[in-house]
Amino acid sequence: MKLALDIFLIITSLLMMLFILLHRGKGGGLSSLFGGGVQSTLSGSSVVERNLDRVTIIVAVLWTIAIVAVGLVVSFD
């Protein structure tokens, strides 16, 4: 069980790093490399960026759950 949670935590950590780097900062960021630079402005941000925000939040929640689960498993051992 702990091994599966550790693997899940590593995967979600890598995904968090990837999705955070894909966000556009003040200078354009890496998201402009993958089509995020095309601005079809609808309420200030593009559809790609809104979807990236949603996916990042979902991965962040899964990452937090994985951290809590690993902590609980370690505390019960």
Protein backbone atom coordinates (compact mmCIF):
# COMPACT_ATOMS: atom_id res chain seq x y z
CA MET A 1 0.00 0.00 0.00
CA LYS A 2 2.77 2.43 0.92
CA LEU A 3 4.65 1.69 -2.30
CA ALA A 4 1.56 2.44 -4.40
CA LEU A 5 0.99 5.71 -2.53
CA ASP A 6 4.65 6.69 -2.94
CA ILE A 7 4.48 6.05 -6.69
CA PHE A 8 1.23 8.03 -6.92
CA LEU A 9 2.84 10.89 -4.97
CA ILE A 10 5.85 10.96 -7.30
CA ILE A 11 3.61 10.99 -10.39
CA THR A 12 1.40 13.77 -9.05
CA SER A 13 4.49 15.77 -8.00
CA LEU A 14 5.93 15.56 -11.50
CA LEU A 15 2.56 16.54 -13.01
CA MET A 16 2.33 19.51 -10.64
CA MET A 17 5.75 20.73 -11.75
CA LEU A 18 4.81 20.32 -15.41
CA PHE A 19 1.48 22.10 -15.13
CA ILE A 20 2.91 24.96 -13.08
CA LEU A 21 5.66 25.49 -15.64
CA LEU A 22 3.09 25.52 -18.44
CA HIS A 23 1.27 28.50 -16.91
CA ARG A 24 1.94 31.83 -18.48
CA GLY A 25 3.78 34.26 -16.33
CA LYS A 26 4.47 37.91 -16.99
CA GLY A 27 6.76 37.11 -19.90
CA GLY A 28 4.68 34.52 -21.74
CA GLY A 29 6.02 31.37 -20.11
CA LEU A 30 6.19 27.89 -21.52
CA SER A 31 2.47 27.81 -22.28
CA SER A 32 3.07 29.95 -25.37
CA LEU A 33 5.17 27.13 -26.82
CA PHE A 34 2.16 24.80 -26.88
CA GLY A 35 -0.50 27.12 -28.25
CA GLY A 36 -1.21 29.09 -25.09
CA GLY A 37 0.09 32.22 -26.76
CA VAL A 38 -2.86 32.36 -29.15
CA GLN A 39 -5.27 34.70 -27.47
CA SER A 40 -8.93 34.07 -28.09
CA THR A 41 -9.83 36.36 -25.22
CA LEU A 42 -13.01 35.46 -23.48
CA SER A 43 -13.22 37.17 -20.09
CA GLY A 44 -9.51 37.89 -20.02
CA SER A 45 -8.00 34.44 -20.55
CA SER A 46 -8.01 31.84 -23.27
CA VAL A 47 -9.84 28.52 -23.15
CA VAL A 48 -6.50 26.71 -23.03
CA GLU A 49 -5.42 28.59 -19.91
CA ARG A 50 -8.74 28.05 -18.15
CA ASN A 51 -8.52 24.32 -18.84
CA LEU A 52 -4.91 24.31 -17.66
CA ASP A 53 -6.04 26.04 -14.46
CA ARG A 54 -8.71 23.40 -13.87
CA VAL A 55 -6.33 20.50 -14.49
CA THR A 56 -3.70 22.08 -12.23
CA ILE A 57 -6.22 22.44 -9.40
CA ILE A 58 -7.37 18.82 -9.79
CA VAL A 59 -3.77 17.56 -9.72
CA ALA A 60 -3.04 19.78 -6.69
CA VAL A 61 -5.98 18.27 -4.81
CA LEU A 62 -4.85 14.73 -5.70
CA TRP A 63 -1.30 15.65 -4.63
CA THR A 64 -2.56 16.91 -1.27
CA ILE A 65 -4.62 13.75 -0.73
CA ALA A 66 -1.58 11.63 -1.58
CA ILE A 67 0.55 13.49 0.98
CA VAL A 68 -2.07 13.03 3.70
CA ALA A 69 -2.50 9.35 2.81
CA VAL A 70 1.25 8.70 2.93
CA GLY A 71 1.40 10.47 6.29
CA LEU A 72 -1.42 8.32 7.66
CA VAL A 73 0.13 5.10 6.39
CA VAL A 74 3.51 6.00 7.89
CA SER A 75 1.96 6.96 11.24
CA PHE A 76 0.11 3.62 11.51
CA ASP A 77 3.22 1.53 10.77
